C-alpha atoms as a PDB file:
ATOM      1  CA  GLN A   1       0.000   0.000   0.000  1.00  0.00           C
ATOM      2  CA  ILE A   2       2.847   2.350   0.764  1.00  0.00           C
ATOM      3  CA  GLU A   3       4.458   1.658  -2.621  1.00  0.00           C
ATOM      4  CA  LEU A   4       1.158   2.344  -4.393  1.00  0.00           C
ATOM      5  CA  LEU A   5       0.860   5.643  -2.542  1.00  0.00           C
ATOM      6  CA  ASN A   6       4.419   6.551  -3.547  1.00  0.00           C
ATOM      7  CA  ILE A   7       3.688   5.729  -7.217  1.00  0.00           C
ATOM      8  CA  TYR A   8       0.508   7.799  -7.085  1.00  0.00           C
ATOM      9  CA  GLN A   9       2.318  10.760  -5.547  1.00  0.00           C
ATOM     10  CA  ARG A  10       5.182  10.587  -8.079  1.00  0.00           C
ATOM     11  CA  GLN A  11       2.706  10.422 -10.955  1.00  0.00           C
ATOM     12  CA  ARG A  12       0.623  13.274  -9.518  1.00  0.00           C
ATOM     13  CA  ASP A  13       3.744  15.415  -9.093  1.00  0.00           C
ATOM     14  CA  GLY A  14       5.034  14.664 -12.619  1.00  0.00           C
ATOM     15  CA  LYS A  15       8.054  12.751 -11.279  1.00  0.00           C
ATOM     16  CA  ASP A  16       6.938   9.258 -12.293  1.00  0.00           C
ATOM     17  CA  ASP A  17       9.685   7.009 -13.682  1.00  0.00           C
ATOM     18  CA  ASN A  18       7.159   5.187 -15.911  1.00  0.00           C
ATOM     19  CA  PRO A  19       4.407   7.640 -16.883  1.00  0.00           C
ATOM     20  CA  SER A  20       3.189   5.473 -19.780  1.00  0.00           C
ATOM     21  CA  VAL A  21       1.511   3.087 -17.305  1.00  0.00           C
ATOM     22  CA  PRO A  22      -1.423   4.791 -15.554  1.00  0.00           C
ATOM     23  CA  PHE A  23      -1.572   4.429 -11.787  1.00  0.00           C
ATOM     24  CA  ALA A  24      -4.887   2.545 -12.004  1.00  0.00           C
ATOM     25  CA  PHE A  25      -3.199  -0.322 -13.872  1.00  0.00           C
ATOM     26  CA  ARG A  26      -0.316  -0.845 -11.473  1.00  0.00           C
ATOM     27  CA  THR A  27      -0.100  -3.233  -8.604  1.00  0.00           C
ATOM     28  CA  VAL A  28       2.467  -4.323  -6.081  1.00  0.00           C
ATOM     29  CA  ILE A  29       2.836  -8.063  -5.711  1.00  0.00           C
ATOM     30  CA  VAL A  30       4.124  -9.144  -2.346  1.00  0.00           C
ATOM     31  CA  GLN A  31       6.669 -11.942  -2.188  1.00  0.00           C
ATOM     32  CA  GLU A  32       4.278 -14.305  -0.371  1.00  0.00           C
ATOM     33  CA  ALA A  33       1.821 -14.213  -3.283  1.00  0.00           C
ATOM     34  CA  LEU A  34       4.326 -15.035  -6.034  1.00  0.00           C
ATOM     35  CA  PRO A  35       3.690 -18.818  -6.017  1.00  0.00           C
ATOM     36  CA  PHE A  36       0.026 -18.136  -6.782  1.00  0.00           C
ATOM     37  CA  ILE A  37       0.313 -15.652  -9.653  1.00  0.00           C
ATOM     38  CA  ASN A  38      -0.017 -16.301 -13.389  1.00  0.00           C
ATOM     39  CA  LEU A  39      -2.001 -19.478 -12.944  1.00  0.00           C
ATOM     40  CA  PRO A  40      -3.566 -20.981 -16.071  1.00  0.00           C
ATOM     41  CA  ILE A  41      -7.304 -20.526 -16.471  1.00  0.00           C
ATOM     42  CA  ALA A  42      -7.910 -24.241 -15.784  1.00  0.00           C
ATOM     43  CA  CYS A  43      -6.364 -23.822 -12.319  1.00  0.00           C
ATOM     44  CA  LEU A  44      -8.555 -20.818 -11.632  1.00  0.00           C
ATOM     45  CA  TYR A  45     -11.673 -22.754 -12.645  1.00  0.00           C
ATOM     46  CA  SER A  46     -10.656 -25.667 -10.425  1.00  0.00           C
ATOM     47  CA  LEU A  47      -9.980 -23.222  -7.598  1.00  0.00           C
ATOM     48  CA  SER A  48     -13.419 -21.706  -8.033  1.00  0.00           C
ATOM     49  CA  ASN A  49     -15.032 -25.164  -7.998  1.00  0.00           C
ATOM     50  CA  SER A  50     -13.030 -26.222  -4.952  1.00  0.00           C
ATOM     51  CA  PHE A  51     -13.964 -22.962  -3.259  1.00  0.00           C
ATOM     52  CA  ALA A  52     -17.665 -23.678  -3.848  1.00  0.00           C
ATOM     53  CA  LEU A  53     -17.313 -27.178  -2.370  1.00  0.00           C
ATOM     54  CA  HIS A  54     -15.092 -26.492   0.644  1.00  0.00           C
ATOM     55  CA  SER A  55     -15.631 -22.942   1.851  1.00  0.00           C
ATOM     56  CA  GLU A  56     -18.120 -21.603   4.306  1.00  0.00           C
ATOM     57  CA  SER A  57     -20.612 -18.963   3.233  1.00  0.00           C
ATOM     58  CA  TYR A  58     -18.800 -15.874   4.513  1.00  0.00           C
ATOM     59  CA  GLY A  59     -15.356 -16.514   5.969  1.00  0.00           C
ATOM     60  CA  MET A  60     -12.763 -19.251   5.834  1.00  0.00           C
ATOM     61  CA  ASN A  61     -10.394 -20.326   8.540  1.00  0.00           C
ATOM     62  CA  LEU A  62      -6.964 -21.752   7.755  1.00  0.00           C
ATOM     63  CA  GLN A  63      -8.231 -25.343   7.419  1.00  0.00           C
ATOM     64  CA  HIS A  64     -10.972 -24.321   4.967  1.00  0.00           C
ATOM     65  CA  THR A  65      -8.423 -22.374   2.935  1.00  0.00           C
ATOM     66  CA  LEU A  66      -6.059 -25.344   2.873  1.00  0.00           C
ATOM     67  CA  ASP A  67      -8.928 -27.604   1.746  1.00  0.00           C
ATOM     68  CA  VAL A  68      -9.793 -25.196  -1.074  1.00  0.00           C
ATOM     69  CA  ILE A  69      -6.205 -24.947  -2.339  1.00  0.00           C
ATOM     70  CA  LYS A  70      -5.241 -28.612  -1.978  1.00  0.00           C
ATOM     71  CA  ASN A  71      -8.429 -29.768  -3.746  1.00  0.00           C
ATOM     72  CA  SER A  72      -7.839 -27.463  -6.696  1.00  0.00           C
ATOM     73  CA  ASP A  73      -5.448 -28.173  -9.599  1.00  0.00           C
ATOM     74  CA  ILE A  74      -2.890 -25.681  -8.309  1.00  0.00           C
ATOM     75  CA  PRO A  75      -0.652 -28.116  -6.362  1.00  0.00           C
ATOM     76  CA  LYS A  76      -0.597 -30.553  -9.297  1.00  0.00           C
ATOM     77  CA  HIS A  77       0.120 -27.778 -11.810  1.00  0.00           C
ATOM     78  CA  LYS A  78       2.910 -26.355  -9.661  1.00  0.00           C
ATOM     79  CA  GLY A  79       4.295 -29.759  -8.659  1.00  0.00           C
ATOM     80  CA  TRP A  80       3.911 -29.030  -4.954  1.00  0.00           C
ATOM     81  CA  SER A  81       4.006 -31.729  -2.304  1.00  0.00           C
ATOM     82  CA  SER A  82       1.312 -31.765   0.379  1.00  0.00           C
ATOM     83  CA  ALA A  83       3.752 -30.201   2.834  1.00  0.00           C
ATOM     84  CA  ARG A  84       4.735 -27.431   0.395  1.00  0.00           C
ATOM     85  CA  THR A  85       1.062 -26.757  -0.388  1.00  0.00           C
ATOM     86  CA  ALA A  86       0.312 -26.434   3.327  1.00  0.00           C
ATOM     87  CA  ILE A  87       3.207 -24.032   3.949  1.00  0.00           C
ATOM     88  CA  LEU A  88       2.397 -21.802   0.979  1.00  0.00           C
ATOM     89  CA  THR A  89      -1.329 -21.824   1.758  1.00  0.00           C
ATOM     90  CA  GLU A  90      -0.721 -20.871   5.378  1.00  0.00           C
ATOM     91  CA  THR A  91       1.504 -18.002   4.251  1.00  0.00           C
ATOM     92  CA  LEU A  92      -1.155 -16.845   1.779  1.00  0.00           C
ATOM     93  CA  PHE A  93      -3.862 -17.163   4.420  1.00  0.00           C
ATOM     94  CA  HIS A  94      -1.995 -14.875   6.830  1.00  0.00           C
ATOM     95  CA  LEU A  95      -1.439 -12.401   4.001  1.00  0.00           C
ATOM     96  CA  PHE A  96      -5.208 -12.170   3.392  1.00  0.00           C
ATOM     97  CA  ASP A  97      -6.109 -12.203   7.117  1.00  0.00           C
ATOM     98  CA  THR A  98      -5.201  -8.569   7.581  1.00  0.00           C
ATOM     99  CA  ASP A  99      -7.250  -8.077  10.751  1.00  0.00           C
ATOM    100  CA  GLN A 100      -5.710 -11.272  12.233  1.00  0.00           C
ATOM    101  CA  ASN A 101      -9.055 -12.680  13.366  1.00  0.00           C
ATOM    102  CA  GLY A 102      -8.319 -16.163  12.006  1.00  0.00           C
ATOM    103  CA  LEU A 103     -10.707 -15.786   9.053  1.00  0.00           C
ATOM    104  CA  ILE A 104     -10.409 -14.487   5.537  1.00  0.00           C
ATOM    105  CA  ASP A 105     -13.325 -12.963   3.734  1.00  0.00           C
ATOM    106  CA  SER A 106     -14.640 -15.380   1.123  1.00  0.00           C
ATOM    107  CA  PHE A 107     -15.431 -12.494  -1.206  1.00  0.00           C
ATOM    108  CA  GLU A 108     -11.796 -11.381  -1.236  1.00  0.00           C
ATOM    109  CA  PHE A 109     -10.164 -14.792  -1.602  1.00  0.00           C
ATOM    110  CA  LEU A 110     -10.809 -15.588  -5.282  1.00  0.00           C
ATOM    111  CA  PRO A 111     -10.385 -12.023  -6.583  1.00  0.00           C
ATOM    112  CA  GLY A 112      -7.234 -11.790  -4.473  1.00  0.00           C
ATOM    113  CA  LEU A 113      -5.700 -14.649  -6.383  1.00  0.00           C
END
């Protein structure tokens, strides 16, 4: 969020190092999310289906999130072991759980990926 603010301020002040890319189309990808970016559409569809089968109606705890990820095609596509899937999913879960209440909002999970 801080980096986005800095980009916005540089662009607003005419000091942007890359003015050809409007601020609205930029994003900052945190290191923890890198294993989950640029997934093929088939993985996203399987994630959506797994989400529908394994999530609760509003929020997901860590176990629900792990169930959603491990039952999608993502681990197979990435070649992750069960242990690696669990570690990466837990890291992703804590990234999304910004208020640290042990739940992530179901409506933010899929768009977040």
